[in-house]
Amino acid sequence: MVTIDELLVKLVDALDRDIELLASLRYRFIVLGALAGADQSPSLPIAVREVELSFEALRVADLVRASVTAQIAEHLELEATPRLDDLASRTQGAWSEILLERRQSLILTVTNIQSLANTLKVAMGRRVSLAEDALAFLRGDRASTYRQSSSRGGLLVEGTI
């Protein structure tokens, strides 16, 4: 039979993996924002796919963590999905401090990622809005001078640039 200490080691390893994957996700959001800000549209699908892959890895890691947490909960006779602070209150020795430290790291990391994601969402929304405004200008009556033939005989057709 597996001891509680062995299960706690597995849980701390799983939490460390979660923190590592969250840091990777944060980095990928930064890259996505930098590519968008540098107007590198052809690279955006790759960056978005990298974010999706990070989310998939987090889902798998979350399953591993949840499985170990359920085993610990059973061993400690707790509900099936206890919070880390509940586990910390029921553990002996340094485990309590370690679990609370990991919990705090997770909260801080997730909060930073949420803030970054919101900033990215707003920035991308502004870029889309600016592009829509520019296209509206080119399509509207205010752009009538752009519809005249150029010296090469070209014509800006509505909706085509």
Foldseek 3Di string as FASTA:
>chain_A
DDDLVNLLVQLLVLLVVLLVLLVQLLVLLVVLLVCVVVVVVVCNVVSVVSNVVSVVVNVVSVVSNLVSQQVSCVVLVHPRGDDLCVSLVSDDDCSNVSSVVSVVSVVVSVVVSVVSVVVSVVVVVVVVVVVVVVLCCCQDPVVVVQQDADPVRDGADRPRD
